[in-house]
Amino acid sequence: MAVDRLERINSLLKRVIAEGMFTVMQGDSVPPGFITVTGVKCGKDLRDATVGISVFGDDALKETAIQHLRHNARKFQALVNKEVRLKFTPRLLFQLDRSLEKGDEVLAILNNLDGQPDAT
């Protein structure tokens, strides 16, 4: 399978899951507005897909959000099956993506360095 096709499928799944967040997670204890789909990575056989999730809030809210997403994984799979025409509907595995937090930490460090005079 061409890499370009796999990238397009990943992008399509990311969009479908992100758009379906408000319908699937409606009435949940974690507001869907706090959840961001950062990326999707499908396996080459399209049977499994890892969904990267970023959650705005403290660690307890992040863990609760991941648990609720994993609990609702079948609903997301049904949504993907309905919206995307594939031979197999991939099993979705939701994982917490902390790359945005790490990026914020690096930016904070760089901002602190800009405010300090040179030591040389």
N, C-alpha and C. Protein backbone atom coordinates (compact mmCIF):
# COMPACT_ATOMS: atom_id res chain seq x y z
N MET A 1 0.85 -1.17 0.00
CA MET A 1 0.00 0.00 0.00
C MET A 1 0.90 1.23 0.00
N ALA A 2 0.57 2.18 -0.82
CA ALA A 2 1.37 3.38 -0.93
C ALA A 2 1.29 4.20 0.36
N VAL A 3 2.40 4.83 0.70
CA VAL A 3 2.46 5.65 1.91
C VAL A 3 1.48 6.81 1.81
N ASP A 4 1.35 7.37 0.62
CA ASP A 4 0.44 8.49 0.42
C ASP A 4 -1.00 8.10 0.74
N ARG A 5 -1.39 6.91 0.34
CA ARG A 5 -2.75 6.44 0.61
C ARG A 5 -2.96 6.27 2.12
N LEU A 6 -1.99 5.72 2.79
CA LEU A 6 -2.08 5.53 4.24
C LEU A 6 -2.17 6.87 4.96
N GLU A 7 -1.43 7.85 4.50
CA GLU A 7 -1.51 9.19 5.09
C GLU A 7 -2.89 9.81 4.88
N ARG A 8 -3.46 9.61 3.71
CA ARG A 8 -4.80 10.13 3.45
C ARG A 8 -5.84 9.45 4.31
N ILE A 9 -5.70 8.15 4.53
CA ILE A 9 -6.63 7.42 5.39
C ILE A 9 -6.48 7.91 6.83
N ASN A 10 -5.24 8.10 7.29
CA ASN A 10 -5.02 8.62 8.64
C ASN A 10 -5.67 9.99 8.82
N SER A 11 -5.51 10.84 7.84
CA SER A 11 -6.10 12.17 7.90
C SER A 11 -7.63 12.11 7.89
N LEU A 12 -8.19 11.23 7.08
CA LEU A 12 -9.64 11.08 7.01
C LEU A 12 -10.19 10.55 8.33
N LEU A 13 -9.54 9.56 8.91
CA LEU A 13 -9.99 9.02 10.19
C LEU A 13 -9.89 10.07 11.29
N LYS A 14 -8.83 10.87 11.27
CA LYS A 14 -8.67 11.94 12.27
C LYS A 14 -9.84 12.91 12.18
N ARG A 15 -10.20 13.30 10.96
CA ARG A 15 -11.30 14.24 10.78
C ARG A 15 -12.63 13.66 11.23
N VAL A 16 -12.90 12.41 10.86
CA VAL A 16 -14.17 11.77 11.23
C VAL A 16 -14.28 11.61 12.75
N ILE A 17 -13.21 11.19 13.39
CA ILE A 17 -13.24 11.00 14.85
C ILE A 17 -13.40 12.34 15.56
N ALA A 18 -12.67 13.37 15.09
CA ALA A 18 -12.77 14.69 15.71
C ALA A 18 -14.17 15.27 15.55
N GLU A 19 -14.75 15.13 14.37
CA GLU A 19 -16.09 15.66 14.14
C GLU A 19 -17.14 14.88 14.94
N GLY A 20 -16.92 13.61 15.15
CA GLY A 20 -17.86 12.79 15.89
C GLY A 20 -17.73 12.87 17.39
N MET A 21 -16.72 13.60 17.85
CA MET A 21 -16.47 13.70 19.29
C MET A 21 -17.68 14.26 20.03
N PHE A 22 -18.33 15.27 19.48
CA PHE A 22 -19.45 15.91 20.17
C PHE A 22 -20.70 15.02 20.19
N THR A 23 -20.89 14.20 19.17
CA THR A 23 -22.06 13.32 19.17
C THR A 23 -21.85 12.10 20.05
N VAL A 24 -20.66 11.52 20.01
CA VAL A 24 -20.40 10.31 20.79
C VAL A 24 -20.24 10.63 22.27
N MET A 25 -19.55 11.71 22.59
CA MET A 25 -19.25 12.05 23.98
C MET A 25 -20.29 12.98 24.60
N GLN A 26 -21.41 13.18 23.92
CA GLN A 26 -22.45 14.07 24.44
C GLN A 26 -23.01 13.53 25.75
N GLY A 27 -23.13 14.41 26.75
CA GLY A 27 -23.64 14.01 28.05
C GLY A 27 -22.63 13.31 28.92
N ASP A 28 -21.37 13.28 28.49
CA ASP A 28 -20.31 12.62 29.25
C ASP A 28 -19.77 13.58 30.31
N SER A 29 -19.12 13.03 31.32
CA SER A 29 -18.59 13.88 32.40
C SER A 29 -17.40 14.72 31.95
N VAL A 30 -16.74 14.32 30.87
CA VAL A 30 -15.63 15.09 30.31
C VAL A 30 -16.16 15.88 29.11
N PRO A 31 -16.10 17.20 29.17
CA PRO A 31 -16.60 17.99 28.03
C PRO A 31 -15.79 17.70 26.77
N PRO A 32 -16.44 17.40 25.65
CA PRO A 32 -15.70 17.08 24.43
C PRO A 32 -14.89 18.26 23.89
N GLY A 33 -15.20 19.47 24.33
CA GLY A 33 -14.43 20.63 23.90
C GLY A 33 -13.03 20.66 24.48
N PHE A 34 -12.78 19.88 25.52
CA PHE A 34 -11.45 19.81 26.13
C PHE A 34 -10.55 18.77 25.47
N ILE A 35 -11.10 18.02 24.52
CA ILE A 35 -10.38 16.92 23.89
C ILE A 35 -10.01 17.29 22.46
N THR A 36 -8.75 17.05 22.10
CA THR A 36 -8.27 17.31 20.74
C THR A 36 -7.69 16.02 20.17
N VAL A 37 -8.05 15.70 18.96
CA VAL A 37 -7.45 14.56 18.26
C VAL A 37 -6.19 15.08 17.57
N THR A 38 -5.04 14.64 18.04
CA THR A 38 -3.78 15.14 17.51
C THR A 38 -3.28 14.35 16.31
N GLY A 39 -3.74 13.12 16.16
CA GLY A 39 -3.31 12.34 15.02
C GLY A 39 -3.84 10.92 15.08
N VAL A 40 -3.82 10.27 13.94
CA VAL A 40 -4.21 8.86 13.83
C VAL A 40 -3.13 8.14 13.05
N LYS A 41 -2.76 6.97 13.53
CA LYS A 41 -1.75 6.17 12.83
C LYS A 41 -2.31 4.76 12.64
N CYS A 42 -2.63 4.44 11.41
CA CYS A 42 -3.15 3.11 11.07
C CYS A 42 -2.00 2.16 10.79
N GLY A 43 -2.27 0.89 11.09
CA GLY A 43 -1.33 -0.14 10.70
C GLY A 43 -1.40 -0.35 9.20
N LYS A 44 -0.40 -0.99 8.63
CA LYS A 44 -0.37 -1.19 7.18
C LYS A 44 -1.53 -2.03 6.67
N ASP A 45 -2.05 -2.92 7.52
CA ASP A 45 -3.17 -3.75 7.09
C ASP A 45 -4.53 -3.10 7.38
N LEU A 46 -4.54 -1.90 7.96
CA LEU A 46 -5.74 -1.12 8.27
C LEU A 46 -6.67 -1.81 9.26
N ARG A 47 -6.15 -2.73 10.04
CA ARG A 47 -6.97 -3.43 11.03
C ARG A 47 -6.98 -2.70 12.38
N ASP A 48 -5.91 -1.97 12.68
CA ASP A 48 -5.79 -1.25 13.94
C ASP A 48 -5.39 0.19 13.66
N ALA A 49 -5.86 1.09 14.51
CA ALA A 49 -5.48 2.49 14.40
C ALA A 49 -5.28 3.06 15.79
N THR A 50 -4.17 3.73 15.99
CA THR A 50 -3.88 4.40 17.26
C THR A 50 -4.26 5.87 17.10
N VAL A 51 -5.11 6.34 18.01
CA VAL A 51 -5.60 7.71 17.96
C VAL A 51 -4.93 8.50 19.08
N GLY A 52 -4.17 9.52 18.71
CA GLY A 52 -3.52 10.39 19.68
C GLY A 52 -4.49 11.44 20.17
N ILE A 53 -4.58 11.58 21.49
CA ILE A 53 -5.53 12.49 22.11
C ILE A 53 -4.80 13.43 23.05
N SER A 54 -5.13 14.71 22.96
CA SER A 54 -4.63 15.69 23.91
C SER A 54 -5.83 16.24 24.67
N VAL A 55 -5.69 16.37 25.98
CA VAL A 55 -6.79 16.82 26.83
C VAL A 55 -6.34 18.06 27.59
N PHE A 56 -7.16 19.10 27.55
CA PHE A 56 -6.87 20.33 28.29
C PHE A 56 -7.38 20.17 29.71
N GLY A 57 -6.46 20.16 30.67
CA GLY A 57 -6.85 20.01 32.07
C GLY A 57 -5.78 19.30 32.87
N ASP A 58 -6.11 18.97 34.11
CA ASP A 58 -5.15 18.31 34.98
C ASP A 58 -5.05 16.82 34.66
N ASP A 59 -4.13 16.14 35.34
CA ASP A 59 -3.88 14.73 35.05
C ASP A 59 -5.10 13.84 35.32
N ALA A 60 -5.86 14.16 36.34
CA ALA A 60 -7.05 13.36 36.66
C ALA A 60 -8.07 13.46 35.53
N LEU A 61 -8.26 14.65 34.98
CA LEU A 61 -9.19 14.83 33.87
C LEU A 61 -8.69 14.10 32.62
N LYS A 62 -7.38 14.11 32.41
CA LYS A 62 -6.81 13.42 31.25
C LYS A 62 -7.05 11.92 31.34
N GLU A 63 -6.82 11.35 32.52
CA GLU A 63 -7.04 9.91 32.69
C GLU A 63 -8.53 9.56 32.54
N THR A 64 -9.40 10.41 33.09
CA THR A 64 -10.84 10.18 32.96
C THR A 64 -11.25 10.25 31.50
N ALA A 65 -10.73 11.22 30.77
CA ALA A 65 -11.07 11.37 29.35
C ALA A 65 -10.63 10.15 28.54
N ILE A 66 -9.42 9.67 28.80
CA ILE A 66 -8.93 8.49 28.07
C ILE A 66 -9.79 7.27 28.38
N GLN A 67 -10.17 7.10 29.64
CA GLN A 67 -11.03 5.98 30.02
C GLN A 67 -12.38 6.06 29.31
N HIS A 68 -12.96 7.25 29.24
CA HIS A 68 -14.25 7.42 28.58
C HIS A 68 -14.12 7.18 27.07
N LEU A 69 -13.03 7.64 26.48
CA LEU A 69 -12.82 7.40 25.06
C LEU A 69 -12.65 5.91 24.77
N ARG A 70 -11.90 5.23 25.60
CA ARG A 70 -11.73 3.79 25.41
C ARG A 70 -13.05 3.05 25.60
N HIS A 71 -13.86 3.54 26.54
CA HIS A 71 -15.18 2.93 26.77
C HIS A 71 -16.09 3.14 25.55
N ASN A 72 -15.96 4.27 24.87
CA ASN A 72 -16.80 4.59 23.72
C ASN A 72 -16.14 4.24 22.39
N ALA A 73 -15.08 3.45 22.41
CA ALA A 73 -14.34 3.12 21.18
C ALA A 73 -15.24 2.44 20.15
N ARG A 74 -16.15 1.59 20.59
CA ARG A 74 -17.05 0.91 19.64
C ARG A 74 -17.98 1.90 18.94
N LYS A 75 -18.42 2.92 19.65
CA LYS A 75 -19.26 3.94 19.03
C LYS A 75 -18.47 4.71 17.97
N PHE A 76 -17.21 5.01 18.27
CA PHE A 76 -16.37 5.68 17.29
C PHE A 76 -16.12 4.77 16.08
N GLN A 77 -15.92 3.48 16.33
CA GLN A 77 -15.72 2.54 15.23
C GLN A 77 -16.97 2.46 14.36
N ALA A 78 -18.14 2.47 14.97
CA ALA A 78 -19.39 2.45 14.20
C ALA A 78 -19.51 3.71 13.36
N LEU A 79 -19.11 4.84 13.92
CA LEU A 79 -19.14 6.10 13.19
C LEU A 79 -18.18 6.06 12.00
N VAL A 80 -16.99 5.52 12.22
CA VAL A 80 -16.02 5.39 11.13
C VAL A 80 -16.56 4.45 10.06
N ASN A 81 -17.18 3.37 10.48
CA ASN A 81 -17.75 2.42 9.53
C ASN A 81 -18.84 3.07 8.68
N LYS A 82 -19.61 3.95 9.29
CA LYS A 82 -20.69 4.63 8.59
C LYS A 82 -20.17 5.70 7.62
N GLU A 83 -19.13 6.42 8.04
CA GLU A 83 -18.65 7.57 7.27
C GLU A 83 -17.57 7.24 6.24
N VAL A 84 -16.77 6.22 6.52
CA VAL A 84 -15.61 5.91 5.67
C VAL A 84 -15.80 4.54 5.06
N ARG A 85 -15.57 4.46 3.77
CA ARG A 85 -15.73 3.19 3.07
C ARG A 85 -14.36 2.49 2.96
N LEU A 86 -14.18 1.51 3.83
CA LEU A 86 -12.96 0.71 3.85
C LEU A 86 -13.33 -0.76 3.87
N LYS A 87 -12.42 -1.61 3.45
CA LYS A 87 -12.67 -3.05 3.49
C LYS A 87 -12.83 -3.52 4.92
N PHE A 88 -11.98 -3.02 5.81
CA PHE A 88 -12.05 -3.35 7.23
C PHE A 88 -12.18 -2.05 8.03
N THR A 89 -12.98 -2.10 9.07
CA THR A 89 -13.05 -0.96 9.99
C THR A 89 -11.98 -1.17 11.05
N PRO A 90 -11.05 -0.24 11.17
CA PRO A 90 -9.96 -0.44 12.13
C PRO A 90 -10.44 -0.38 13.57
N ARG A 91 -9.81 -1.20 14.42
CA ARG A 91 -10.04 -1.11 15.87
C ARG A 91 -9.29 0.12 16.36
N LEU A 92 -9.97 0.94 17.14
CA LEU A 92 -9.38 2.19 17.59
C LEU A 92 -8.81 2.03 18.99
N LEU A 93 -7.57 2.47 19.15
CA LEU A 93 -6.90 2.48 20.44
C LEU A 93 -6.56 3.93 20.76
N PHE A 94 -7.13 4.46 21.83
CA PHE A 94 -6.91 5.85 22.21
C PHE A 94 -5.74 5.93 23.17
N GLN A 95 -4.79 6.83 22.85
CA GLN A 95 -3.62 7.05 23.70
C GLN A 95 -3.44 8.53 23.94
N LEU A 96 -3.01 8.85 25.16
CA LEU A 96 -2.77 10.23 25.52
C LEU A 96 -1.50 10.72 24.84
N ASP A 97 -1.59 11.85 24.17
CA ASP A 97 -0.47 12.46 23.46
C ASP A 97 -0.01 13.69 24.24
N ARG A 98 1.17 13.63 24.80
CA ARG A 98 1.68 14.73 25.63
C ARG A 98 2.64 15.64 24.86
N SER A 99 2.69 15.52 23.54
CA SER A 99 3.63 16.31 22.76
C SER A 99 3.32 17.81 22.82
N LEU A 100 2.04 18.18 22.90
CA LEU A 100 1.69 19.60 23.00
C LEU A 100 2.17 20.19 24.32
N GLU A 101 2.06 19.42 25.40
CA GLU A 101 2.55 19.88 26.70
C GLU A 101 4.06 20.06 26.67
N LYS A 102 4.77 19.12 26.06
CA LYS A 102 6.22 19.22 25.99
C LYS A 102 6.64 20.41 25.15
N GLY A 103 5.89 20.68 24.09
CA GLY A 103 6.16 21.86 23.27
C GLY A 103 5.97 23.15 24.05
N ASP A 104 4.92 23.19 24.88
CA ASP A 104 4.71 24.37 25.72
C ASP A 104 5.84 24.57 26.71
N GLU A 105 6.35 23.46 27.27
CA GLU A 105 7.47 23.55 28.20
C GLU A 105 8.72 24.10 27.51
N VAL A 106 8.98 23.65 26.30
CA VAL A 106 10.15 24.14 25.55
C VAL A 106 9.99 25.63 25.26
N LEU A 107 8.78 26.05 24.86
CA LEU A 107 8.55 27.47 24.59
C LEU A 107 8.72 28.31 25.85
N ALA A 108 8.28 27.80 26.99
CA ALA A 108 8.45 28.52 28.25
C ALA A 108 9.93 28.68 28.59
N ILE A 109 10.71 27.64 28.37
CA ILE A 109 12.15 27.70 28.63
C ILE A 109 12.80 28.72 27.70
N LEU A 110 12.42 28.71 26.43
CA LEU A 110 12.98 29.67 25.48
C LEU A 110 12.59 31.10 25.83
N ASN A 111 11.37 31.30 26.30
CA ASN A 111 10.96 32.64 26.72
C ASN A 111 11.75 33.11 27.93
N ASN A 112 12.05 32.20 28.86
CA ASN A 112 12.88 32.55 30.02
C ASN A 112 14.30 32.90 29.61
N LEU A 113 14.83 32.20 28.60
CA LEU A 113 16.18 32.50 28.12
C LEU A 113 16.24 33.86 27.46
N ASP A 114 15.20 34.26 26.76
CA ASP A 114 15.17 35.57 26.10
C ASP A 114 15.19 36.70 27.10
N GLY A 115 14.61 36.50 28.26
CA GLY A 115 14.53 37.55 29.27
C GLY A 115 15.81 37.72 30.07
N GLN A 116 16.73 36.77 30.01
CA GLN A 116 17.97 36.84 30.79
C GLN A 116 19.09 37.43 29.95
N PRO A 117 19.96 38.24 30.58
CA PRO A 117 21.12 38.77 29.82
C PRO A 117 22.13 37.67 29.55
N ASP A 118 22.95 37.89 28.53
CA ASP A 118 23.99 36.91 28.18
C ASP A 118 25.01 36.78 29.29
N ALA A 119 25.47 35.57 29.54
CA ALA A 119 26.45 35.31 30.61
C ALA A 119 27.87 35.54 30.11
N THR A 120 28.07 35.74 28.81
CA THR A 120 29.43 35.92 28.30
C THR A 120 29.88 37.32 28.30
